[in-house]
Amino acid sequence: MSERKLDTEGCQGIKFRNVTPDVFSCMKKKLQNYGIEVSSGNSGVFEGNGIVAHFIWDGEANLSIEIKERPLDTYCGQISGKFRAFWRECQGL
């Protein structure tokens, strides 16, 4: 089991705009396919691959993600980059 780091110095929160219900559903599906368990509903936890993140989606357009734990060998930017890639893919960009 790899070691995880509690993100005490904190990754910056990740904020997305233009997250329609279809985009949100698509992002959750991509995260699950990537091995991340996703809470049902508009808020909860993404957890898997050594990552724990809390999310809140307003049900219309705005999604916020806070990374709480990450693997020791993974940078915040790598995680936020993956979330952003899923967002772009789900928007068809």
PDB file of N, CA and C in Angstrom:
ATOM      1  N   MET A   1       0.846  -1.174   0.000  1.00  0.00           N
ATOM      2  CA  MET A   1       0.000   0.000   0.000  1.00  0.00           C
ATOM      3  C   MET A   1       0.893   1.240   0.000  1.00  0.00           C
ATOM      4  N   SER A   2       0.624   2.146  -0.914  1.00  0.00           N
ATOM      5  CA  SER A   2       1.458   3.341  -0.984  1.00  0.00           C
ATOM      6  C   SER A   2       1.058   4.324   0.113  1.00  0.00           C
ATOM      7  N   GLU A   3       2.027   5.130   0.500  1.00  0.00           N
ATOM      8  CA  GLU A   3       1.748   6.114   1.550  1.00  0.00           C
ATOM      9  C   GLU A   3       0.963   7.280   0.972  1.00  0.00           C
ATOM     10  N   ARG A   4       0.073   7.827   1.811  1.00  0.00           N
ATOM     11  CA  ARG A   4      -0.685   9.006   1.405  1.00  0.00           C
ATOM     12  C   ARG A   4      -0.270  10.167   2.269  1.00  0.00           C
ATOM     13  N   LYS A   5      -0.438  11.329   1.706  1.00  0.00           N
ATOM     14  CA  LYS A   5      -0.085  12.545   2.424  1.00  0.00           C
ATOM     15  C   LYS A   5      -1.351  13.328   2.712  1.00  0.00           C
ATOM     16  N   LEU A   6      -1.569  13.640   3.981  1.00  0.00           N
ATOM     17  CA  LEU A   6      -2.645  14.569   4.314  1.00  0.00           C
ATOM     18  C   LEU A   6      -2.211  15.916   3.794  1.00  0.00           C
ATOM     19  N   ASP A   7      -3.081  16.573   3.096  1.00  0.00           N
ATOM     20  CA  ASP A   7      -2.693  17.816   2.442  1.00  0.00           C
ATOM     21  C   ASP A   7      -2.815  18.993   3.391  1.00  0.00           C
ATOM     22  N   THR A   8      -1.919  19.034   4.389  1.00  0.00           N
ATOM     23  CA  THR A   8      -1.988  20.091   5.383  1.00  0.00           C
ATOM     24  C   THR A   8      -1.553  21.436   4.813  1.00  0.00           C
ATOM     25  N   GLU A   9      -0.592  21.422   3.867  1.00  0.00           N
ATOM     26  CA  GLU A   9      -0.224  22.702   3.271  1.00  0.00           C
ATOM     27  C   GLU A   9      -1.215  23.079   2.185  1.00  0.00           C
ATOM     28  N   GLY A  10      -2.027  22.130   1.790  1.00  0.00           N
ATOM     29  CA  GLY A  10      -3.180  22.409   0.945  1.00  0.00           C
ATOM     30  C   GLY A  10      -2.912  22.599  -0.523  1.00  0.00           C
ATOM     31  N   CYS A  11      -3.593  21.810  -1.306  1.00  0.00           N
ATOM     32  CA  CYS A  11      -3.686  22.076  -2.733  1.00  0.00           C
ATOM     33  C   CYS A  11      -4.717  23.185  -2.870  1.00  0.00           C
ATOM     34  N   GLN A  12      -4.545  24.026  -3.849  1.00  0.00           N
ATOM     35  CA  GLN A  12      -5.549  25.052  -4.087  1.00  0.00           C
ATOM     36  C   GLN A  12      -6.841  24.377  -4.519  1.00  0.00           C
ATOM     37  N   GLY A  13      -7.947  24.945  -4.124  1.00  0.00           N
ATOM     38  CA  GLY A  13      -9.233  24.419  -4.567  1.00  0.00           C
ATOM     39  C   GLY A  13      -9.350  24.550  -6.080  1.00  0.00           C
ATOM     40  N   ILE A  14     -10.069  23.628  -6.673  1.00  0.00           N
ATOM     41  CA  ILE A  14     -10.267  23.634  -8.118  1.00  0.00           C
ATOM     42  C   ILE A  14     -11.713  24.044  -8.369  1.00  0.00           C
ATOM     43  N   LYS A  15     -11.910  25.043  -9.179  1.00  0.00           N
ATOM     44  CA  LYS A  15     -13.263  25.523  -9.474  1.00  0.00           C
ATOM     45  C   LYS A  15     -13.522  25.413 -10.968  1.00  0.00           C
ATOM     46  N   PHE A  16     -14.677  24.860 -11.295  1.00  0.00           N
ATOM     47  CA  PHE A  16     -15.095  24.715 -12.686  1.00  0.00           C
ATOM     48  C   PHE A  16     -16.393  25.474 -12.901  1.00  0.00           C
ATOM     49  N   ARG A  17     -16.516  26.098 -14.051  1.00  0.00           N
ATOM     50  CA  ARG A  17     -17.757  26.755 -14.456  1.00  0.00           C
ATOM     51  C   ARG A  17     -18.309  26.006 -15.669  1.00  0.00           C
ATOM     52  N   ASN A  18     -19.547  26.261 -16.001  1.00  0.00           N
ATOM     53  CA  ASN A  18     -20.184  25.625 -17.154  1.00  0.00           C
ATOM     54  C   ASN A  18     -20.229  24.102 -17.013  1.00  0.00           C
ATOM     55  N   VAL A  19     -20.490  23.635 -15.806  1.00  0.00           N
ATOM     56  CA  VAL A  19     -20.628  22.203 -15.554  1.00  0.00           C
ATOM     57  C   VAL A  19     -22.125  21.894 -15.542  1.00  0.00           C
ATOM     58  N   THR A  20     -22.638  21.556 -16.713  1.00  0.00           N
ATOM     59  CA  THR A  20     -24.050  21.209 -16.852  1.00  0.00           C
ATOM     60  C   THR A  20     -24.287  19.837 -16.212  1.00  0.00           C
ATOM     61  N   PRO A  21     -25.537  19.449 -16.014  1.00  0.00           N
ATOM     62  CA  PRO A  21     -25.794  18.100 -15.488  1.00  0.00           C
ATOM     63  C   PRO A  21     -25.143  17.003 -16.336  1.00  0.00           C
ATOM     64  N   ASP A  22     -25.159  17.142 -17.667  1.00  0.00           N
ATOM     65  CA  ASP A  22     -24.527  16.131 -18.525  1.00  0.00           C
ATOM     66  C   ASP A  22     -23.013  16.087 -18.321  1.00  0.00           C
ATOM     67  N   VAL A  23     -22.395  17.260 -18.210  1.00  0.00           N
ATOM     68  CA  VAL A  23     -20.941  17.320 -17.991  1.00  0.00           C
ATOM     69  C   VAL A  23     -20.596  16.730 -16.624  1.00  0.00           C
ATOM     70  N   PHE A  24     -21.368  17.053 -15.587  1.00  0.00           N
ATOM     71  CA  PHE A  24     -21.123  16.524 -14.247  1.00  0.00           C
ATOM     72  C   PHE A  24     -21.231  15.001 -14.240  1.00  0.00           C
ATOM     73  N   SER A  25     -22.260  14.481 -14.878  1.00  0.00           N
ATOM     74  CA  SER A  25     -22.450  13.030 -14.965  1.00  0.00           C
ATOM     75  C   SER A  25     -21.286  12.378 -15.717  1.00  0.00           C
ATOM     76  N   CYS A  26     -20.865  12.996 -16.798  1.00  0.00           N
ATOM     77  CA  CYS A  26     -19.736  12.493 -17.584  1.00  0.00           C
ATOM     78  C   CYS A  26     -18.453  12.484 -16.755  1.00  0.00           C
ATOM     79  N   MET A  27     -18.192  13.568 -16.025  1.00  0.00           N
ATOM     80  CA  MET A  27     -16.985  13.644 -15.196  1.00  0.00           C
ATOM     81  C   MET A  27     -16.985  12.548 -14.138  1.00  0.00           C
ATOM     82  N   LYS A  28     -18.137  12.333 -13.499  1.00  0.00           N
ATOM     83  CA  LYS A  28     -18.222  11.294 -12.473  1.00  0.00           C
ATOM     84  C   LYS A  28     -17.944   9.920 -13.082  1.00  0.00           C
ATOM     85  N   LYS A  29     -18.469   9.680 -14.279  1.00  0.00           N
ATOM     86  CA  LYS A  29     -18.246   8.399 -14.955  1.00  0.00           C
ATOM     87  C   LYS A  29     -16.767   8.216 -15.288  1.00  0.00           C
ATOM     88  N   LYS A  30     -16.109   9.263 -15.769  1.00  0.00           N
ATOM     89  CA  LYS A  30     -14.682   9.181 -16.102  1.00  0.00           C
ATOM     90  C   LYS A  30     -13.845   8.924 -14.845  1.00  0.00           C
ATOM     91  N   LEU A  31     -14.195   9.581 -13.740  1.00  0.00           N
ATOM     92  CA  LEU A  31     -13.481   9.346 -12.486  1.00  0.00           C
ATOM     93  C   LEU A  31     -13.641   7.900 -12.043  1.00  0.00           C
ATOM     94  N   GLN A  32     -14.843   7.355 -12.144  1.00  0.00           N
ATOM     95  CA  GLN A  32     -15.085   5.962 -11.759  1.00  0.00           C
ATOM     96  C   GLN A  32     -14.279   5.014 -12.644  1.00  0.00           C
ATOM     97  N   ASN A  33     -14.228   5.290 -13.945  1.00  0.00           N
ATOM     98  CA  ASN A  33     -13.433   4.463 -14.856  1.00  0.00           C
ATOM     99  C   ASN A  33     -11.945   4.555 -14.550  1.00  0.00           C
ATOM    100  N   TYR A  34     -11.526   5.653 -13.936  1.00  0.00           N
ATOM    101  CA  TYR A  34     -10.132   5.879 -13.562  1.00  0.00           C
ATOM    102  C   TYR A  34      -9.803   5.221 -12.215  1.00  0.00           C
ATOM    103  N   GLY A  35     -10.812   4.633 -11.564  1.00  0.00           N
ATOM    104  CA  GLY A  35     -10.585   3.951 -10.290  1.00  0.00           C
ATOM    105  C   GLY A  35     -10.908   4.784  -9.069  1.00  0.00           C
ATOM    106  N   ILE A  36     -11.650   5.869  -9.266  1.00  0.00           N
ATOM    107  CA  ILE A  36     -12.031   6.753  -8.164  1.00  0.00           C
ATOM    108  C   ILE A  36     -13.492   6.481  -7.810  1.00  0.00           C
ATOM    109  N   GLU A  37     -13.758   6.186  -6.545  1.00  0.00           N
ATOM    110  CA  GLU A  37     -15.135   6.039  -6.087  1.00  0.00           C
ATOM    111  C   GLU A  37     -15.736   7.428  -5.923  1.00  0.00           C
ATOM    112  N   VAL A  38     -16.983   7.576  -6.353  1.00  0.00           N
ATOM    113  CA  VAL A  38     -17.641   8.874  -6.350  1.00  0.00           C
ATOM    114  C   VAL A  38     -18.926   8.787  -5.545  1.00  0.00           C
ATOM    115  N   SER A  39     -19.089   9.694  -4.584  1.00  0.00           N
ATOM    116  CA  SER A  39     -20.339   9.764  -3.824  1.00  0.00           C
ATOM    117  C   SER A  39     -21.475  10.132  -4.770  1.00  0.00           C
ATOM    118  N   SER A  40     -22.664   9.595  -4.488  1.00  0.00           N
ATOM    119  CA  SER A  40     -23.816   9.995  -5.284  1.00  0.00           C
ATOM    120  C   SER A  40     -24.286  11.366  -4.816  1.00  0.00           C
ATOM    121  N   GLY A  41     -25.018  12.049  -5.645  1.00  0.00           N
ATOM    122  CA  GLY A  41     -25.526  13.358  -5.275  1.00  0.00           C
ATOM    123  C   GLY A  41     -24.631  14.481  -5.744  1.00  0.00           C
ATOM    124  N   ASN A  42     -24.972  15.678  -5.299  1.00  0.00           N
ATOM    125  CA  ASN A  42     -24.277  16.887  -5.748  1.00  0.00           C
ATOM    126  C   ASN A  42     -23.098  17.275  -4.872  1.00  0.00           C
ATOM    127  N   SER A  43     -22.884  16.565  -3.774  1.00  0.00           N
ATOM    128  CA  SER A  43     -21.709  16.829  -2.946  1.00  0.00           C
ATOM    129  C   SER A  43     -21.277  15.524  -2.300  1.00  0.00           C
ATOM    130  N   GLY A  44     -20.016  15.483  -1.937  1.00  0.00           N
ATOM    131  CA  GLY A  44     -19.509  14.262  -1.312  1.00  0.00           C
ATOM    132  C   GLY A  44     -18.019  14.136  -1.495  1.00  0.00           C
ATOM    133  N   VAL A  45     -17.583  12.889  -1.729  1.00  0.00           N
ATOM    134  CA  VAL A  45     -16.156  12.576  -1.745  1.00  0.00           C
ATOM    135  C   VAL A  45     -15.805  11.798  -3.010  1.00  0.00           C
ATOM    136  N   PHE A  46     -14.652  12.133  -3.590  1.00  0.00           N
ATOM    137  CA  PHE A  46     -13.994  11.325  -4.608  1.00  0.00           C
ATOM    138  C   PHE A  46     -12.867  10.614  -3.867  1.00  0.00           C
ATOM    139  N   GLU A  47     -12.779   9.290  -3.974  1.00  0.00           N
ATOM    140  CA  GLU A  47     -11.723   8.575  -3.257  1.00  0.00           C
ATOM    141  C   GLU A  47     -11.239   7.383  -4.058  1.00  0.00           C
ATOM    142  N   GLY A  48      -9.924   7.292  -4.215  1.00  0.00           N
ATOM    143  CA  GLY A  48      -9.300   6.167  -4.894  1.00  0.00           C
ATOM    144  C   GLY A  48      -7.922   6.549  -5.390  1.00  0.00           C
ATOM    145  N   ASN A  49      -7.106   5.543  -5.663  1.00  0.00           N
ATOM    146  CA  ASN A  49      -5.735   5.765  -6.142  1.00  0.00           C
ATOM    147  C   ASN A  49      -4.945   6.680  -5.209  1.00  0.00           C
ATOM    148  N   GLY A  50      -5.234   6.614  -3.912  1.00  0.00           N
ATOM    149  CA  GLY A  50      -4.523   7.425  -2.935  1.00  0.00           C
ATOM    150  C   GLY A  50      -5.025   8.851  -2.811  1.00  0.00           C
ATOM    151  N   ILE A  51      -6.085   9.170  -3.537  1.00  0.00           N
ATOM    152  CA  ILE A  51      -6.629  10.532  -3.546  1.00  0.00           C
ATOM    153  C   ILE A  51      -7.933  10.572  -2.772  1.00  0.00           C
ATOM    154  N   VAL A  52      -8.078  11.590  -1.934  1.00  0.00           N
ATOM    155  CA  VAL A  52      -9.354  11.887  -1.287  1.00  0.00           C
ATOM    156  C   VAL A  52      -9.639  13.356  -1.560  1.00  0.00           C
ATOM    157  N   ALA A  53     -10.789  13.622  -2.163  1.00  0.00           N
ATOM    158  CA  ALA A  53     -11.165  15.002  -2.471  1.00  0.00           C
ATOM    159  C   ALA A  53     -12.645  15.191  -2.169  1.00  0.00           C
ATOM    160  N   HIS A  54     -12.992  16.352  -1.664  1.00  0.00           N
ATOM    161  CA  HIS A  54     -14.386  16.707  -1.408  1.00  0.00           C
ATOM    162  C   HIS A  54     -14.873  17.560  -2.574  1.00  0.00           C
ATOM    163  N   PHE A  55     -16.127  17.345  -2.968  1.00  0.00           N
ATOM    164  CA  PHE A  55     -16.672  18.136  -4.069  1.00  0.00           C
ATOM    165  C   PHE A  55     -18.058  18.668  -3.725  1.00  0.00           C
ATOM    166  N   ILE A  56     -18.376  19.802  -4.337  1.00  0.00           N
ATOM    167  CA  ILE A  56     -19.713  20.396  -4.239  1.00  0.00           C
ATOM    168  C   ILE A  56     -20.060  20.933  -5.623  1.00  0.00           C
ATOM    169  N   TRP A  57     -21.200  20.496  -6.137  1.00  0.00           N
ATOM    170  CA  TRP A  57     -21.723  20.999  -7.400  1.00  0.00           C
ATOM    171  C   TRP A  57     -23.058  21.658  -7.105  1.00  0.00           C
ATOM    172  N   ASP A  58     -23.282  22.841  -7.631  1.00  0.00           N
ATOM    173  CA  ASP A  58     -24.501  23.593  -7.307  1.00  0.00           C
ATOM    174  C   ASP A  58     -25.739  23.117  -8.065  1.00  0.00           C
ATOM    175  N   GLY A  59     -25.597  22.081  -8.888  1.00  0.00           N
ATOM    176  CA  GLY A  59     -26.734  21.541  -9.611  1.00  0.00           C
ATOM    177  C   GLY A  59     -27.017  22.256 -10.920  1.00  0.00           C
ATOM    178  N   GLU A  60     -26.247  23.283 -11.203  1.00  0.00           N
ATOM    179  CA  GLU A  60     -26.475  24.060 -12.427  1.00  0.00           C
ATOM    180  C   GLU A  60     -25.212  24.248 -13.256  1.00  0.00           C
ATOM    181  N   ALA A  61     -24.163  24.840 -12.646  1.00  0.00           N
ATOM    182  CA  ALA A  61     -23.012  25.198 -13.475  1.00  0.00           C
ATOM    183  C   ALA A  61     -21.673  25.222 -12.746  1.00  0.00           C
ATOM    184  N   ASN A  62     -21.655  25.251 -11.417  1.00  0.00           N
ATOM    185  CA  ASN A  62     -20.402  25.459 -10.689  1.00  0.00           C
ATOM    186  C   ASN A  62     -20.028  24.239  -9.853  1.00  0.00           C
ATOM    187  N   LEU A  63     -18.792  23.781 -10.053  1.00  0.00           N
ATOM    188  CA  LEU A  63     -18.259  22.631  -9.328  1.00  0.00           C
ATOM    189  C   LEU A  63     -16.980  23.056  -8.622  1.00  0.00           C
ATOM    190  N   SER A  64     -16.888  22.742  -7.328  1.00  0.00           N
ATOM    191  CA  SER A  64     -15.674  23.021  -6.546  1.00  0.00           C
ATOM    192  C   SER A  64     -15.144  21.706  -6.005  1.00  0.00           C
ATOM    193  N   ILE A  65     -13.822  21.531  -6.081  1.00  0.00           N
ATOM    194  CA  ILE A  65     -13.164  20.322  -5.603  1.00  0.00           C
ATOM    195  C   ILE A  65     -12.017  20.739  -4.688  1.00  0.00           C
ATOM    196  N   GLU A  66     -11.956  20.126  -3.508  1.00  0.00           N
ATOM    197  CA  GLU A  66     -10.863  20.355  -2.550  1.00  0.00           C
ATOM    198  C   GLU A  66     -10.139  19.033  -2.325  1.00  0.00           C
ATOM    199  N   ILE A  67      -8.861  18.985  -2.655  1.00  0.00           N
ATOM    200  CA  ILE A  67      -8.070  17.773  -2.465  1.00  0.00           C
ATOM    201  C   ILE A  67      -7.630  17.715  -1.006  1.00  0.00           C
ATOM    202  N   LYS A  68      -7.979  16.621  -0.333  1.00  0.00           N
ATOM    203  CA  LYS A  68      -7.675  16.472   1.091  1.00  0.00           C
ATOM    204  C   LYS A  68      -6.488  15.550   1.342  1.00  0.00           C
ATOM    205  N   GLU A  69      -6.324  14.525   0.511  1.00  0.00           N
ATOM    206  CA  GLU A  69      -5.198  13.600   0.629  1.00  0.00           C
ATOM    207  C   GLU A  69      -4.733  13.239  -0.769  1.00  0.00           C
ATOM    208  N   ARG A  70      -3.413  12.952  -0.864  1.00  0.00           N
ATOM    209  CA  ARG A  70      -2.852  12.548  -2.143  1.00  0.00           C
ATOM    210  C   ARG A  70      -1.628  11.677  -1.896  1.00  0.00           C
ATOM    211  N   PRO A  71      -1.234  10.868  -2.881  1.00  0.00           N
ATOM    212  CA  PRO A  71      -0.023  10.064  -2.717  1.00  0.00           C
ATOM    213  C   PRO A  71       1.191  10.973  -2.532  1.00  0.00           C
ATOM    214  N   LEU A  72       2.174  10.477  -1.809  1.00  0.00           N
ATOM    215  CA  LEU A  72       3.384  11.266  -1.555  1.00  0.00           C
ATOM    216  C   LEU A  72       4.100  11.663  -2.838  1.00  0.00           C
ATOM    217  N   ASP A  73       4.011  10.815  -3.858  1.00  0.00           N
ATOM    218  CA  ASP A  73       4.737  11.084  -5.099  1.00  0.00           C
ATOM    219  C   ASP A  73       3.876  11.796  -6.154  1.00  0.00           C
ATOM    220  N   THR A  74       2.766  12.371  -5.744  1.00  0.00           N
ATOM    221  CA  THR A  74       1.863  13.050  -6.676  1.00  0.00           C
ATOM    222  C   THR A  74       1.704  14.511  -6.272  1.00  0.00           C
ATOM    223  N   TYR A  75       1.882  15.388  -7.234  1.00  0.00           N
ATOM    224  CA  TYR A  75       1.746  16.824  -6.982  1.00  0.00           C
ATOM    225  C   TYR A  75       0.297  17.265  -7.177  1.00  0.00           C
ATOM    226  N   CYS A  76      -0.061  18.348  -6.526  1.00  0.00           N
ATOM    227  CA  CYS A  76      -1.410  18.914  -6.668  1.00  0.00           C
ATOM    228  C   CYS A  76      -1.731  19.181  -8.130  1.00  0.00           C
ATOM    229  N   GLY A  77      -0.766  19.709  -8.857  1.00  0.00           N
ATOM    230  CA  GLY A  77      -0.984  20.037 -10.258  1.00  0.00           C
ATOM    231  C   GLY A  77      -1.315  18.831 -11.117  1.00  0.00           C
ATOM    232  N   GLN A  78      -0.748  17.677 -10.770  1.00  0.00           N
ATOM    233  CA  GLN A  78      -1.058  16.466 -11.527  1.00  0.00           C
ATOM    234  C   GLN A  78      -2.520  16.077 -11.332  1.00  0.00           C
ATOM    235  N   ILE A  79      -2.993  16.200 -10.095  1.00  0.00           N
ATOM    236  CA  ILE A  79      -4.369  15.829  -9.793  1.00  0.00           C
ATOM    237  C   ILE A  79      -5.330  16.828 -10.430  1.00  0.00           C
ATOM    238  N   SER A  80      -5.077  18.120 -10.242  1.00  0.00           N
ATOM    239  CA  SER A  80      -5.976  19.117 -10.822  1.00  0.00           C
ATOM    240  C   SER A  80      -5.939  19.031 -12.343  1.00  0.00           C
ATOM    241  N   GLY A  81      -4.798  18.708 -12.919  1.00  0.00           N
ATOM    242  CA  GLY A  81      -4.692  18.546 -14.366  1.00  0.00           C
ATOM    243  C   GLY A  81      -5.580  17.425 -14.872  1.00  0.00           C
ATOM    244  N   LYS A  82      -5.643  16.328 -14.130  1.00  0.00           N
ATOM    245  CA  LYS A  82      -6.488  15.196 -14.520  1.00  0.00           C
ATOM    246  C   LYS A  82      -7.957  15.587 -14.431  1.00  0.00           C
ATOM    247  N   PHE A  83      -8.352  16.278 -13.347  1.00  0.00           N
ATOM    248  CA  PHE A  83      -9.735  16.746 -13.235  1.00  0.00           C
ATOM    249  C   PHE A  83     -10.074  17.679 -14.411  1.00  0.00           C
ATOM    250  N   ARG A  84      -9.149  18.590 -14.743  1.00  0.00           N
ATOM    251  CA  ARG A  84      -9.397  19.526 -15.840  1.00  0.00           C
ATOM    252  C   ARG A  84      -9.489  18.802 -17.190  1.00  0.00           C
ATOM    253  N   ALA A  85      -8.671  17.774 -17.373  1.00  0.00           N
ATOM    254  CA  ALA A  85      -8.731  16.999 -18.615  1.00  0.00           C
ATOM    255  C   ALA A  85     -10.092  16.314 -18.756  1.00  0.00           C
ATOM    256  N   PHE A  86     -10.588  15.734 -17.676  1.00  0.00           N
ATOM    257  CA  PHE A  86     -11.911  15.104 -17.722  1.00  0.00           C
ATOM    258  C   PHE A  86     -12.985  16.136 -18.042  1.00  0.00           C
ATOM    259  N   TRP A  87     -12.886  17.318 -17.432  1.00  0.00           N
ATOM    260  CA  TRP A  87     -13.858  18.397 -17.674  1.00  0.00           C
ATOM    261  C   TRP A  87     -13.863  18.786 -19.146  1.00  0.00           C
ATOM    262  N   ARG A  88     -12.664  18.971 -19.726  1.00  0.00           N
ATOM    263  CA  ARG A  88     -12.571  19.344 -21.149  1.00  0.00           C
ATOM    264  C   ARG A  88     -13.147  18.241 -22.039  1.00  0.00           C
ATOM    265  N   GLU A  89     -12.794  16.985 -21.759  1.00  0.00           N
ATOM    266  CA  GLU A  89     -13.303  15.874 -22.546  1.00  0.00           C
ATOM    267  C   GLU A  89     -14.830  15.820 -22.487  1.00  0.00           C
ATOM    268  N   CYS A  90     -15.390  16.044 -21.299  1.00  0.00           N
ATOM    269  CA  CYS A  90     -16.832  15.971 -21.138  1.00  0.00           C
ATOM    270  C   CYS A  90     -17.555  17.141 -21.793  1.00  0.00           C
ATOM    271  N   GLN A  91     -16.851  18.246 -21.991  1.00  0.00           N
ATOM    272  CA  GLN A  91     -17.444  19.385 -22.698  1.00  0.00           C
ATOM    273  C   GLN A  91     -17.249  19.278 -24.197  1.00  0.00           C
ATOM    274  N   GLY A  92     -16.503  18.261 -24.622  1.00  0.00           N
ATOM    275  CA  GLY A  92     -16.241  18.098 -26.047  1.00  0.00           C
ATOM    276  C   GLY A  92     -15.199  19.041 -26.576  1.00  0.00           C
ATOM    277  N   LEU A  93     -14.331  19.554 -25.693  1.00  0.00           N
ATOM    278  CA  LEU A  93     -13.280  20.496 -26.113  1.00  0.00           C
ATOM    279  C   LEU A  93     -12.013  19.774 -26.538  1.00  0.00           C
TER     280      LEU A  93
END
